C-alpha atoms as a PDB file:
ATOM      1  CA  MET A   1     -19.799  52.027  20.220  1.00  0.00           C
ATOM      2  CA  PHE A   2     -23.297  51.727  18.737  1.00  0.00           C
ATOM      3  CA  ASP A   3     -24.199  51.455  15.106  1.00  0.00           C
ATOM      4  CA  SER A   4     -25.384  54.770  13.648  1.00  0.00           C
ATOM      5  CA  ARG A   5     -28.728  53.131  12.797  1.00  0.00           C
ATOM      6  CA  VAL A   6     -29.250  52.296  16.473  1.00  0.00           C
ATOM      7  CA  ASP A   7     -28.384  55.888  17.380  1.00  0.00           C
ATOM      8  CA  ALA A   8     -30.952  57.087  14.833  1.00  0.00           C
ATOM      9  CA  VAL A   9     -33.644  54.868  16.353  1.00  0.00           C
ATOM     10  CA  LEU A  10     -32.803  56.121  19.834  1.00  0.00           C
ATOM     11  CA  ALA A  11     -32.849  59.750  18.649  1.00  0.00           C
ATOM     12  CA  LYS A  12     -36.242  59.192  17.013  1.00  0.00           C
ATOM     13  CA  ARG A  13     -37.604  57.731  20.262  1.00  0.00           C
ATOM     14  CA  MET A  14     -36.354  60.730  22.230  1.00  0.00           C
ATOM     15  CA  GLU A  15     -37.926  63.055  19.642  1.00  0.00           C
ATOM     16  CA  ARG A  16     -41.272  61.275  20.109  1.00  0.00           C
ATOM     17  CA  LEU A  17     -41.003  61.708  23.884  1.00  0.00           C
ATOM     18  CA  ALA A  18     -40.309  65.431  23.442  1.00  0.00           C
ATOM     19  CA  LEU A  19     -43.302  65.773  21.095  1.00  0.00           C
ATOM     20  CA  ALA A  20     -45.451  63.995  23.684  1.00  0.00           C
ATOM     21  CA  ALA A  21     -44.261  66.534  26.257  1.00  0.00           C
ATOM     22  CA  ILE A  22     -45.345  69.371  23.934  1.00  0.00           C
ATOM     23  CA  ALA A  23     -48.765  67.763  23.449  1.00  0.00           C
ATOM     24  CA  ALA A  24     -49.141  67.492  27.231  1.00  0.00           C
ATOM     25  CA  LYS A  25     -48.293  71.231  27.488  1.00  0.00           C
ATOM     26  CA  ARG A  26     -44.997  70.574  29.217  1.00  0.00           C
ATOM     27  CA  ASP A  27     -41.669  72.112  28.336  1.00  0.00           C
ATOM     28  CA  PRO A  28     -39.982  69.514  26.091  1.00  0.00           C
ATOM     29  CA  GLN A  29     -36.541  70.738  27.175  1.00  0.00           C
ATOM     30  CA  ARG A  30     -37.306  70.035  30.831  1.00  0.00           C
ATOM     31  CA  TRP A  31     -38.991  66.649  30.797  1.00  0.00           C
ATOM     32  CA  ILE A  32     -37.467  64.394  33.377  1.00  0.00           C
ATOM     33  CA  MET A  33     -36.273  60.921  32.464  1.00  0.00           C
ATOM     34  CA  THR A  34     -38.226  58.807  34.882  1.00  0.00           C
ATOM     35  CA  ALA A  35     -37.475  55.142  35.420  1.00  0.00           C
ATOM     36  CA  ALA A  36     -40.276  54.277  32.988  1.00  0.00           C
ATOM     37  CA  THR A  37     -38.802  56.555  30.324  1.00  0.00           C
ATOM     38  CA  LEU A  38     -35.357  55.053  30.761  1.00  0.00           C
ATOM     39  CA  THR A  39     -36.847  51.562  30.577  1.00  0.00           C
ATOM     40  CA  ALA A  40     -38.701  52.488  27.376  1.00  0.00           C
ATOM     41  CA  LEU A  41     -35.495  53.858  25.860  1.00  0.00           C
ATOM     42  CA  GLN A  42     -33.568  50.735  26.844  1.00  0.00           C
ATOM     43  CA  THR A  43     -36.285  48.496  25.367  1.00  0.00           C
ATOM     44  CA  SER A  44     -36.275  50.510  22.134  1.00  0.00           C
ATOM     45  CA  LEU A  45     -32.511  50.228  21.930  1.00  0.00           C
ATOM     46  CA  GLU A  46     -32.587  46.461  22.516  1.00  0.00           C
ATOM     47  CA  ARG A  47     -35.300  46.051  19.864  1.00  0.00           C
ATOM     48  CA  ALA A  48     -33.323  48.140  17.400  1.00  0.00           C
ATOM     49  CA  GLU A  49     -30.197  46.066  17.996  1.00  0.00           C
ATOM     50  CA  PHE A  50     -32.190  42.839  17.555  1.00  0.00           C
ATOM     51  CA  ASP A  51     -33.868  44.143  14.377  1.00  0.00           C
ATOM     52  CA  LEU A  52     -30.477  45.041  12.950  1.00  0.00           C
ATOM     53  CA  ASP A  53     -29.194  41.538  13.721  1.00  0.00           C
ATOM     54  CA  ALA A  54     -32.378  39.808  12.515  1.00  0.00           C
ATOM     55  CA  PRO A  55     -31.305  39.409   8.855  1.00  0.00           C
ATOM     56  CA  ARG A  56     -28.367  37.332  10.051  1.00  0.00           C
ATOM     57  CA  LEU A  57     -30.742  35.062  11.975  1.00  0.00           C
ATOM     58  CA  ILE A  58     -32.948  34.254   8.981  1.00  0.00           C
ATOM     59  CA  THR A  59     -32.299  30.877   7.414  1.00  0.00           C
ATOM     60  CA  LEU A  60     -32.921  30.126   3.789  1.00  0.00           C
ATOM     61  CA  GLU A  61     -34.572  26.800   4.544  1.00  0.00           C
ATOM     62  CA  GLY A  62     -38.269  26.439   3.933  1.00  0.00           C
ATOM     63  CA  PRO A  63     -40.796  25.577   6.627  1.00  0.00           C
ATOM     64  CA  MET A  64     -40.232  22.279   8.424  1.00  0.00           C
ATOM     65  CA  PHE A  65     -42.387  19.961  10.502  1.00  0.00           C
ATOM     66  CA  MET A  66     -40.526  17.373  12.582  1.00  0.00           C
ATOM     67  CA  ASN A  67     -37.493  17.878  10.305  1.00  0.00           C
ATOM     68  CA  ILE A  68     -39.608  17.145   7.216  1.00  0.00           C
ATOM     69  CA  PRO A  69     -39.736  19.938   4.622  1.00  0.00           C
ATOM     70  CA  ILE A  70     -43.229  21.269   4.001  1.00  0.00           C
ATOM     71  CA  ASP A  71     -44.137  22.403   0.511  1.00  0.00           C
ATOM     72  CA  ILE A  72     -46.634  25.216   0.829  1.00  0.00           C
ATOM     73  CA  GLY A  73     -48.517  25.877  -2.345  1.00  0.00           C
ATOM     74  CA  VAL A  74     -51.561  27.791  -3.393  1.00  0.00           C
ATOM     75  CA  PRO A  75     -54.736  25.668  -3.186  1.00  0.00           C
ATOM     76  CA  MET A  76     -56.356  25.155  -6.546  1.00  0.00           C
ATOM     77  CA  ASN A  77     -60.087  25.338  -7.111  1.00  0.00           C
ATOM     78  CA  ASP A  78     -60.248  21.671  -8.118  1.00  0.00           C
ATOM     79  CA  ASP A  79     -58.486  20.461  -4.946  1.00  0.00           C
ATOM     80  CA  PRO A  80     -60.843  18.486  -2.708  1.00  0.00           C
ATOM     81  CA  PRO A  81     -61.490  19.881   0.777  1.00  0.00           C
ATOM     82  CA  VAL A  82     -59.187  18.568   3.465  1.00  0.00           C
ATOM     83  CA  ASP A  83     -60.557  17.257   6.763  1.00  0.00           C
ATOM     84  CA  LEU A  84     -58.476  17.594   9.889  1.00  0.00           C
ATOM     85  CA  VAL A  85     -58.076  14.199  11.533  1.00  0.00           C
ATOM     86  CA  THR A  86     -57.033  14.000  15.173  1.00  0.00           C
ATOM     87  CA  ARG A  87     -56.576  10.941  17.340  1.00  0.00           C
END
């Protein structure tokens, strides 16, 4: 079924909804899952699944521009200012 981490995220979201019901002086055991609540839970679940898969999507390559590697360094104080030239 789902990863236990996804279940934990979903449980945390439901806990937040129950706490919001308490703050609104409603019975947290009786709050009704409206369409908006179900949509929020589904969105949270999809985000959690994506976040869990995200490390697999990260590449180890550095930044590229038009398939040319870009070396990003820290500007030094003696570097001259750079003007942006557009045509």
